[in-house]
Structure formats: structure tokens, C-alpha cells
Amino acid sequence: MTFAPYNLVAKPLLTALLDAVEKAHKEGARAIILRSGLRHFSAGAEIELFDNRGERLPEIDVCACLDALEQVPVPIIASMHGLALGGGFELALACDIIVAADSAKAGMVEVTLGLHPLMGAIQRVASRAGVARAKEMALFGRRYDAATLERWNIVNRVVPEAQLEETTRILALELAVGPTVAHGATKRLIREYMDETVVKADRAMSDAQRPIFQSNDLVVGLKAFRESGPGHAIFSGR
């Protein structure tokens, strides 16, 4: 991903990402690495996406994006450095393996805008780390270091930042020379396991999020973010 300056999640980035994954699969790739060519993995979503006073994110089919990453029958490794916040963190969570630099920080920070994670982070963290951690991360909106996320089983491996690219490449090569059909079957079974939990929650997101996009708190959160940055909104609960 190289959408300067921060790989902000919006339709252009997601379209390019999904096109690249589809192209890699069609060309016979046996493992895929999702990485950033910029300072951060992804600092979140384009804030303009949230100005919509409708019922959901405009122009983005969230479930289709998640399905594309989770259903491609080859392993995907997220190579995470810098910040992975909001929608950027959610892209990493949709990958099969997450390798993080020891300096990386990630989190569900949407609550500072009067939102909650809109691309499946709640249910994916619950699947990886348990309901208690998912609630903690979504409700408080804090940033967590890579070591904490590894301890919570959200990140698979943490390495020194200087070794991130090489470590990710070695792991991808190990997967690529493995039994690709078996790896695809593994992903399929995991997806079946997730159907009654994570995927079911994915399908419920639009209805659950409708009141958020119609709330006064979202208006307040976006205004405060633009004027003062994150963490300065005073919410009324409406």
C-alpha cells in the first residue's frame, strides 16, 4: 500500500488493494504480503467518509472487502509497522498472520470520533483475544504497543523494526513452498468456524451502525477532530 501520506482507508486504497490481491491469486501467487511503503501501515480512514448522515459508510462494501481477503485461498501476511489505526488495523485483522515491528502501535480509535470500528475489528479481536479484550479496545479507543498485542494473541509475531521486512519475507516463502491446496482448505475451515460468530457479526454491522451515523455525537466528534485533533470531543450521548 502506498497512498501518501498515511495510507488512509477509502475507496481508492481498498479498490487497489483488492485488485492486487485478485491479480496475485490469478497469477499463481502461493502467499501474499500486505505491507506499506510509507511511514505507517495505515493511520485510519479518510475522515470525509464519516460526514455522511445516512446509515452506513458510503461507496464501501465493507463485507465484500473482508470477504475478499479472508476467502482468497492462499495465506496473507500483514507486515505492520508505524501506526495501524482504525480501518488500517482492521485490514491487518482480516489477514491470516500479522507480523509487527516492535515499534508499531495499533488500536480501534474510532470512539474518539463518536464512532465504533466499522470494518469488523470488534468481532475479529473477540475471535483472536476474547470478548473482554475486544470490549476494552473498542470502548476506550487506546493505542497499544506490539508487545501487548502479541501477548493478547492479536499479533502473531513481533520483531525488531529493522528485521520486519526480512522476517515477513521468510515466513511468506515458507508458506509459499508449502501445500497450497491444504493451506486453502485450512482457510476455508477457519471461515466455516467463523460463520456463526465473526461473519454473522459482519452481516449485522450495517444495522448496528445505523444509529451512529445519525447521532449528534458523530457530528461533535468530527468537528472536534478537525479543529483540535483526536480526543477533544465532549459527547452528549445523543
C-alpha atoms as a PDB file:
ATOM      1  CA  MET A   1       0.000   0.000   0.000  1.00  0.00           C
ATOM      2  CA  THR A   2       1.378   3.389  -0.985  1.00  0.00           C
ATOM      3  CA  PHE A   3      -1.312   6.046  -0.749  1.00  0.00           C
ATOM      4  CA  ALA A   4       0.560   9.063   0.605  1.00  0.00           C
ATOM      5  CA  PRO A   5       0.805  10.383   3.160  1.00  0.00           C
ATOM      6  CA  TYR A   6      -0.754   7.876   5.571  1.00  0.00           C
ATOM      7  CA  ASN A   7      -2.453   5.091   3.582  1.00  0.00           C
ATOM      8  CA  LEU A   8      -5.835   6.367   4.699  1.00  0.00           C
ATOM      9  CA  VAL A   9      -8.587   3.852   4.069  1.00  0.00           C
ATOM     10  CA  ALA A  10     -11.008   4.975   1.387  1.00  0.00           C
ATOM     11  CA  LYS A  11     -12.412   3.610  -1.845  1.00  0.00           C
ATOM     12  CA  PRO A  12      -9.225   4.179  -3.936  1.00  0.00           C
ATOM     13  CA  LEU A  13      -6.996   2.290  -1.485  1.00  0.00           C
ATOM     14  CA  LEU A  14      -9.442  -0.567  -0.986  1.00  0.00           C
ATOM     15  CA  THR A  15     -10.072  -0.927  -4.713  1.00  0.00           C
ATOM     16  CA  ALA A  16      -6.348  -1.039  -5.463  1.00  0.00           C
ATOM     17  CA  LEU A  17      -5.718  -3.471  -2.614  1.00  0.00           C
ATOM     18  CA  LEU A  18      -8.433  -5.911  -3.622  1.00  0.00           C
ATOM     19  CA  ASP A  19      -7.425  -5.689  -7.282  1.00  0.00           C
ATOM     20  CA  ALA A  20      -3.841  -6.503  -6.300  1.00  0.00           C
ATOM     21  CA  VAL A  21      -4.913  -9.498  -4.206  1.00  0.00           C
ATOM     22  CA  GLU A  22      -7.094 -10.825  -7.020  1.00  0.00           C
ATOM     23  CA  LYS A  23      -4.315 -10.291  -9.571  1.00  0.00           C
ATOM     24  CA  ALA A  24      -1.740 -12.059  -7.372  1.00  0.00           C
ATOM     25  CA  HIS A  25      -4.050 -15.036  -6.934  1.00  0.00           C
ATOM     26  CA  LYS A  26      -4.846 -15.274 -10.649  1.00  0.00           C
ATOM     27  CA  GLU A  27      -1.133 -15.150 -11.469  1.00  0.00           C
ATOM     28  CA  GLY A  28      -0.449 -18.094  -9.198  1.00  0.00           C
ATOM     29  CA  ALA A  29       0.874 -16.467  -6.032  1.00  0.00           C
ATOM     30  CA  ARG A  30       1.020 -19.006  -3.211  1.00  0.00           C
ATOM     31  CA  ALA A  31       1.357 -16.428  -0.424  1.00  0.00           C
ATOM     32  CA  ILE A  32       0.642 -12.701  -0.270  1.00  0.00           C
ATOM     33  CA  ILE A  33       2.206  -9.954   1.855  1.00  0.00           C
ATOM     34  CA  LEU A  34       0.200  -6.855   2.758  1.00  0.00           C
ATOM     35  CA  ARG A  35       2.650  -4.099   3.633  1.00  0.00           C
ATOM     36  CA  SER A  36       3.022  -0.338   3.469  1.00  0.00           C
ATOM     37  CA  GLY A  37       5.620   1.571   1.504  1.00  0.00           C
ATOM     38  CA  LEU A  38       5.108   4.603   3.719  1.00  0.00           C
ATOM     39  CA  ARG A  39       5.953   5.619   7.294  1.00  0.00           C
ATOM     40  CA  HIS A  40       2.819   3.982   8.694  1.00  0.00           C
ATOM     41  CA  PHE A  41       0.941   0.804   7.857  1.00  0.00           C
ATOM     42  CA  SER A  42      -2.263   2.876   7.814  1.00  0.00           C
ATOM     43  CA  ALA A  43      -3.292   5.746  10.069  1.00  0.00           C
ATOM     44  CA  GLY A  44      -7.011   5.049   9.686  1.00  0.00           C
ATOM     45  CA  ALA A  45      -9.807   6.059   7.355  1.00  0.00           C
ATOM     46  CA  GLU A  46     -10.432   9.240   5.394  1.00  0.00           C
ATOM     47  CA  ILE A  47     -12.455  11.367   7.797  1.00  0.00           C
ATOM     48  CA  GLU A  48     -14.646  12.631   4.954  1.00  0.00           C
ATOM     49  CA  LEU A  49     -16.205   9.167   4.786  1.00  0.00           C
ATOM     50  CA  PHE A  50     -17.963   9.851   8.064  1.00  0.00           C
ATOM     51  CA  ASP A  51     -19.648  13.087   7.033  1.00  0.00           C
ATOM     52  CA  ASN A  52     -22.450  11.026   5.520  1.00  0.00           C
ATOM     53  CA  ARG A  53     -25.584  11.384   7.643  1.00  0.00           C
ATOM     54  CA  GLY A  54     -27.019   8.179   6.294  1.00  0.00           C
ATOM     55  CA  GLU A  55     -26.968   4.647   7.582  1.00  0.00           C
ATOM     56  CA  ARG A  56     -23.506   3.309   6.718  1.00  0.00           C
ATOM     57  CA  LEU A  57     -20.185   4.045   5.041  1.00  0.00           C
ATOM     58  CA  PRO A  58     -20.881   5.412   1.552  1.00  0.00           C
ATOM     59  CA  GLU A  59     -19.336   3.756  -1.510  1.00  0.00           C
ATOM     60  CA  ILE A  60     -17.652   0.989   0.502  1.00  0.00           C
ATOM     61  CA  ASP A  61     -18.962  -2.554   0.672  1.00  0.00           C
ATOM     62  CA  VAL A  62     -17.244  -3.491   3.916  1.00  0.00           C
ATOM     63  CA  CYS A  63     -18.267  -7.139   3.888  1.00  0.00           C
ATOM     64  CA  ALA A  64     -17.040  -7.571   0.313  1.00  0.00           C
ATOM     65  CA  CYS A  65     -13.639  -6.169   1.299  1.00  0.00           C
ATOM     66  CA  LEU A  66     -13.324  -8.507   4.268  1.00  0.00           C
ATOM     67  CA  ASP A  67     -14.570 -11.479   2.255  1.00  0.00           C
ATOM     68  CA  ALA A  68     -12.010 -10.853  -0.472  1.00  0.00           C
ATOM     69  CA  LEU A  69      -9.104 -11.027   1.975  1.00  0.00           C
ATOM     70  CA  GLU A  70     -10.408 -13.922   4.034  1.00  0.00           C
ATOM     71  CA  GLN A  71     -11.663 -16.096   1.187  1.00  0.00           C
ATOM     72  CA  VAL A  72      -8.709 -15.932  -1.202  1.00  0.00           C
ATOM     73  CA  PRO A  73      -7.325 -19.497  -0.872  1.00  0.00           C
ATOM     74  CA  VAL A  74      -3.711 -18.550  -0.162  1.00  0.00           C
ATOM     75  CA  PRO A  75      -2.241 -17.191   3.091  1.00  0.00           C
ATOM     76  CA  ILE A  76      -1.990 -13.413   3.529  1.00  0.00           C
ATOM     77  CA  ILE A  77       0.556 -11.936   5.944  1.00  0.00           C
ATOM     78  CA  ALA A  78       0.153  -8.370   7.213  1.00  0.00           C
ATOM     79  CA  SER A  79       3.544  -6.745   7.774  1.00  0.00           C
ATOM     80  CA  MET A  80       2.736  -3.969  10.234  1.00  0.00           C
ATOM     81  CA  HIS A  81       4.931  -1.010  11.142  1.00  0.00           C
ATOM     82  CA  GLY A  82       4.324   2.511  12.390  1.00  0.00           C
ATOM     83  CA  LEU A  83       0.664   3.122  13.146  1.00  0.00           C
ATOM     84  CA  ALA A  84      -2.176   0.766  12.273  1.00  0.00           C
ATOM     85  CA  LEU A  85      -5.279   2.578  13.453  1.00  0.00           C
ATOM     86  CA  GLY A  86      -8.981   2.240  12.799  1.00  0.00           C
ATOM     87  CA  GLY A  87      -9.617   0.894   9.326  1.00  0.00           C
ATOM     88  CA  GLY A  88      -5.914   0.226   8.830  1.00  0.00           C
ATOM     89  CA  PHE A  89      -5.838  -2.057  11.849  1.00  0.00           C
ATOM     90  CA  GLU A  90      -8.974  -3.740  10.551  1.00  0.00           C
ATOM     91  CA  LEU A  91      -7.277  -4.572   7.253  1.00  0.00           C
ATOM     92  CA  ALA A  92      -4.483  -6.284   9.181  1.00  0.00           C
ATOM     93  CA  LEU A  93      -7.025  -8.228  11.248  1.00  0.00           C
ATOM     94  CA  ALA A  94      -8.566  -9.608   8.055  1.00  0.00           C
ATOM     95  CA  CYS A  95      -5.210 -11.162   7.134  1.00  0.00           C
ATOM     96  CA  ASP A  96      -4.229 -14.668   8.217  1.00  0.00           C
ATOM     97  CA  ILE A  97      -0.996 -13.754  10.009  1.00  0.00           C
ATOM     98  CA  ILE A  98       0.144 -10.439  11.493  1.00  0.00           C
ATOM     99  CA  VAL A  99       3.869  -9.747  11.900  1.00  0.00           C
ATOM    100  CA  ALA A 100       4.565  -6.438  13.642  1.00  0.00           C
ATOM    101  CA  ALA A 101       7.609  -4.278  14.208  1.00  0.00           C
ATOM    102  CA  ASP A 102       8.399  -3.798  17.883  1.00  0.00           C
ATOM    103  CA  SER A 103       7.829  -0.067  17.408  1.00  0.00           C
ATOM    104  CA  ALA A 104       4.366  -0.490  15.874  1.00  0.00           C
ATOM    105  CA  LYS A 105       1.212   0.708  17.598  1.00  0.00           C
ATOM    106  CA  ALA A 106      -2.339  -0.275  16.745  1.00  0.00           C
ATOM    107  CA  GLY A 107      -5.826   0.290  18.022  1.00  0.00           C
ATOM    108  CA  MET A 108      -9.521   0.849  17.472  1.00  0.00           C
ATOM    109  CA  VAL A 109      -9.544   4.624  17.879  1.00  0.00           C
ATOM    110  CA  GLU A 110     -12.917   5.343  16.272  1.00  0.00           C
ATOM    111  CA  VAL A 111     -14.579   6.125  19.608  1.00  0.00           C
ATOM    112  CA  THR A 112     -12.722   9.472  19.683  1.00  0.00           C
ATOM    113  CA  LEU A 113     -14.843  10.491  16.686  1.00  0.00           C
ATOM    114  CA  GLY A 114     -18.130   9.300  18.139  1.00  0.00           C
ATOM    115  CA  LEU A 115     -17.938   6.082  16.128  1.00  0.00           C
ATOM    116  CA  HIS A 116     -17.029   2.470  16.696  1.00  0.00           C
ATOM    117  CA  PRO A 117     -14.956   0.161  14.451  1.00  0.00           C
ATOM    118  CA  LEU A 118     -16.786  -0.043  11.139  1.00  0.00           C
ATOM    119  CA  MET A 119     -14.829  -2.784   9.355  1.00  0.00           C
ATOM    120  CA  GLY A 120     -15.104  -5.767  11.639  1.00  0.00           C
ATOM    121  CA  ALA A 121     -12.393  -5.166  14.238  1.00  0.00           C
ATOM    122  CA  ILE A 122     -14.680  -5.841  17.193  1.00  0.00           C
ATOM    123  CA  GLN A 123     -15.592  -9.356  16.165  1.00  0.00           C
ATOM    124  CA  ARG A 124     -12.113 -10.192  14.844  1.00  0.00           C
ATOM    125  CA  VAL A 125     -10.395  -9.129  18.043  1.00  0.00           C
ATOM    126  CA  ALA A 126     -13.033 -11.063  20.001  1.00  0.00           C
ATOM    127  CA  SER A 127     -12.161 -14.119  17.905  1.00  0.00           C
ATOM    128  CA  ARG A 128      -8.416 -13.700  18.456  1.00  0.00           C
ATOM    129  CA  ALA A 129      -8.263 -12.391  22.014  1.00  0.00           C
ATOM    130  CA  GLY A 130     -11.691 -12.828  23.608  1.00  0.00           C
ATOM    131  CA  VAL A 131     -14.721 -10.654  24.221  1.00  0.00           C
ATOM    132  CA  ALA A 132     -13.192  -8.816  27.187  1.00  0.00           C
ATOM    133  CA  ARG A 133     -10.247  -7.508  25.157  1.00  0.00           C
ATOM    134  CA  ALA A 134     -12.489  -6.600  22.228  1.00  0.00           C
ATOM    135  CA  LYS A 135     -14.703  -4.519  24.506  1.00  0.00           C
ATOM    136  CA  GLU A 136     -11.703  -2.870  26.166  1.00  0.00           C
ATOM    137  CA  MET A 137     -10.115  -1.887  22.873  1.00  0.00           C
ATOM    138  CA  ALA A 138     -13.321  -0.651  21.221  1.00  0.00           C
ATOM    139  CA  LEU A 139     -14.714   1.222  24.233  1.00  0.00           C
ATOM    140  CA  PHE A 140     -11.533   3.032  25.317  1.00  0.00           C
ATOM    141  CA  GLY A 141     -10.061   3.658  21.859  1.00  0.00           C
ATOM    142  CA  ARG A 142      -6.449   3.490  23.000  1.00  0.00           C
ATOM    143  CA  ARG A 143      -3.305   2.670  21.055  1.00  0.00           C
ATOM    144  CA  TYR A 144      -1.447  -0.470  22.089  1.00  0.00           C
ATOM    145  CA  ASP A 145       2.158  -1.433  21.516  1.00  0.00           C
ATOM    146  CA  ALA A 146       3.050  -4.508  19.514  1.00  0.00           C
ATOM    147  CA  ALA A 147       4.261  -6.488  22.533  1.00  0.00           C
ATOM    148  CA  THR A 148       0.886  -6.081  24.250  1.00  0.00           C
ATOM    149  CA  LEU A 149      -0.968  -7.158  21.126  1.00  0.00           C
ATOM    150  CA  GLU A 150       1.251 -10.223  20.810  1.00  0.00           C
ATOM    151  CA  ARG A 151       0.608 -11.116  24.449  1.00  0.00           C
ATOM    152  CA  TRP A 152      -3.125 -10.851  23.786  1.00  0.00           C
ATOM    153  CA  ASN A 153      -2.848 -13.150  20.712  1.00  0.00           C
ATOM    154  CA  ILE A 154      -3.906 -10.395  18.326  1.00  0.00           C
ATOM    155  CA  VAL A 155      -0.488 -10.200  16.661  1.00  0.00           C
ATOM    156  CA  ASN A 156       1.301 -13.430  15.759  1.00  0.00           C
ATOM    157  CA  ARG A 157       4.892 -12.262  15.971  1.00  0.00           C
ATOM    158  CA  VAL A 158       6.838  -9.142  16.973  1.00  0.00           C
ATOM    159  CA  VAL A 159      10.318  -8.476  15.595  1.00  0.00           C
ATOM    160  CA  PRO A 160      12.768  -5.551  15.656  1.00  0.00           C
ATOM    161  CA  GLU A 161      11.717  -2.985  13.080  1.00  0.00           C
ATOM    162  CA  ALA A 162      14.939  -3.472  11.105  1.00  0.00           C
ATOM    163  CA  GLN A 163      14.078  -7.156  10.708  1.00  0.00           C
ATOM    164  CA  LEU A 164      10.399  -6.779   9.812  1.00  0.00           C
ATOM    165  CA  GLU A 165      10.720  -6.965   6.031  1.00  0.00           C
ATOM    166  CA  GLU A 166      13.113  -9.924   6.074  1.00  0.00           C
ATOM    167  CA  THR A 167      11.138 -11.861   8.690  1.00  0.00           C
ATOM    168  CA  THR A 168       7.898 -11.354   6.787  1.00  0.00           C
ATOM    169  CA  ARG A 169       9.540 -12.436   3.542  1.00  0.00           C
ATOM    170  CA  ILE A 170      10.930 -15.620   5.128  1.00  0.00           C
ATOM    171  CA  LEU A 171       7.542 -16.544   6.579  1.00  0.00           C
ATOM    172  CA  ALA A 172       5.832 -15.867   3.255  1.00  0.00           C
ATOM    173  CA  LEU A 173       8.356 -18.063   1.435  1.00  0.00           C
ATOM    174  CA  GLU A 174       7.790 -20.844   3.964  1.00  0.00           C
ATOM    175  CA  LEU A 175       4.065 -20.682   3.261  1.00  0.00           C
ATOM    176  CA  ALA A 176       4.556 -20.349  -0.492  1.00  0.00           C
ATOM    177  CA  VAL A 177       6.562 -23.575  -0.769  1.00  0.00           C
ATOM    178  CA  GLY A 178       4.063 -25.430   1.394  1.00  0.00           C
ATOM    179  CA  PRO A 179       0.966 -27.395   0.336  1.00  0.00           C
ATOM    180  CA  THR A 180      -1.123 -24.634  -1.215  1.00  0.00           C
ATOM    181  CA  VAL A 181      -4.256 -26.753  -1.553  1.00  0.00           C
ATOM    182  CA  ALA A 182      -4.034 -27.703   2.121  1.00  0.00           C
ATOM    183  CA  HIS A 183      -3.492 -24.065   3.105  1.00  0.00           C
ATOM    184  CA  GLY A 184      -6.600 -23.127   1.136  1.00  0.00           C
ATOM    185  CA  ALA A 185      -8.574 -25.851   2.898  1.00  0.00           C
ATOM    186  CA  THR A 186      -7.334 -24.548   6.251  1.00  0.00           C
ATOM    187  CA  LYS A 187      -8.571 -21.059   5.431  1.00  0.00           C
ATOM    188  CA  ARG A 188     -11.907 -22.481   4.305  1.00  0.00           C
ATOM    189  CA  LEU A 189     -12.406 -24.400   7.558  1.00  0.00           C
ATOM    190  CA  ILE A 190     -11.477 -21.361   9.640  1.00  0.00           C
ATOM    191  CA  ARG A 191     -14.001 -19.361   7.654  1.00  0.00           C
ATOM    192  CA  GLU A 192     -16.657 -22.009   8.320  1.00  0.00           C
ATOM    193  CA  TYR A 193     -15.800 -21.822  12.023  1.00  0.00           C
ATOM    194  CA  MET A 194     -16.176 -18.039  11.888  1.00  0.00           C
ATOM    195  CA  ASP A 195     -19.529 -18.124  10.080  1.00  0.00           C
ATOM    196  CA  GLU A 196     -21.671 -18.214  13.227  1.00  0.00           C
ATOM    197  CA  THR A 197     -19.565 -15.628  15.028  1.00  0.00           C
ATOM    198  CA  VAL A 198     -17.390 -13.218  13.064  1.00  0.00           C
ATOM    199  CA  VAL A 199     -19.144 -13.452   9.694  1.00  0.00           C
ATOM    200  CA  LYS A 200     -22.580 -13.279  11.314  1.00  0.00           C
ATOM    201  CA  ALA A 201     -21.457 -10.118  13.088  1.00  0.00           C
ATOM    202  CA  ASP A 202     -20.148  -8.731   9.786  1.00  0.00           C
ATOM    203  CA  ARG A 203     -23.619  -9.094   8.294  1.00  0.00           C
ATOM    204  CA  ALA A 204     -25.129  -7.313  11.307  1.00  0.00           C
ATOM    205  CA  MET A 205     -22.788  -4.309  11.171  1.00  0.00           C
ATOM    206  CA  SER A 206     -24.907  -2.149   8.890  1.00  0.00           C
ATOM    207  CA  ASP A 207     -27.980  -2.321  11.137  1.00  0.00           C
ATOM    208  CA  ALA A 208     -25.935  -1.893  14.307  1.00  0.00           C
ATOM    209  CA  GLN A 209     -24.143   1.159  12.921  1.00  0.00           C
ATOM    210  CA  ARG A 210     -27.189   2.983  11.536  1.00  0.00           C
ATOM    211  CA  PRO A 211     -27.830   4.977  14.759  1.00  0.00           C
ATOM    212  CA  ILE A 212     -24.170   6.034  14.898  1.00  0.00           C
ATOM    213  CA  PHE A 213     -24.362   7.807  11.542  1.00  0.00           C
ATOM    214  CA  GLN A 214     -27.494   9.618  12.676  1.00  0.00           C
ATOM    215  CA  SER A 215     -26.092  10.675  16.057  1.00  0.00           C
ATOM    216  CA  ASN A 216     -25.177  14.128  17.297  1.00  0.00           C
ATOM    217  CA  ASP A 217     -22.082  12.633  18.931  1.00  0.00           C
ATOM    218  CA  LEU A 218     -20.651  11.858  15.491  1.00  0.00           C
ATOM    219  CA  VAL A 219     -21.145  15.473  14.387  1.00  0.00           C
ATOM    220  CA  VAL A 220     -19.426  16.677  17.560  1.00  0.00           C
ATOM    221  CA  GLY A 221     -16.608  14.163  17.211  1.00  0.00           C
ATOM    222  CA  LEU A 222     -15.834  15.072  13.605  1.00  0.00           C
ATOM    223  CA  LYS A 223     -15.929  18.802  14.359  1.00  0.00           C
ATOM    224  CA  ALA A 224     -13.587  18.409  17.334  1.00  0.00           C
ATOM    225  CA  PHE A 225     -11.199  16.237  15.327  1.00  0.00           C
ATOM    226  CA  ARG A 226     -10.938  18.799  12.544  1.00  0.00           C
ATOM    227  CA  GLU A 227     -10.445  21.683  14.964  1.00  0.00           C
ATOM    228  CA  SER A 228      -8.245  20.123  17.654  1.00  0.00           C
ATOM    229  CA  GLY A 229      -7.326  16.568  16.693  1.00  0.00           C
ATOM    230  CA  PRO A 230      -8.466  13.319  18.322  1.00  0.00           C
ATOM    231  CA  GLY A 231      -9.523  13.056  21.941  1.00  0.00           C
ATOM    232  CA  HIS A 232     -11.014  16.529  22.426  1.00  0.00           C
ATOM    233  CA  ALA A 233     -14.697  15.912  21.732  1.00  0.00           C
ATOM    234  CA  ILE A 234     -17.225  16.389  24.523  1.00  0.00           C
ATOM    235  CA  PHE A 235     -20.072  13.997  23.815  1.00  0.00           C
ATOM    236  CA  SER A 236     -23.677  14.456  24.931  1.00  0.00           C
ATOM    237  CA  GLY A 237     -24.674  10.826  24.433  1.00  0.00           C
ATOM    238  CA  ARG A 238     -27.180  11.693  21.707  1.00  0.00           C
END
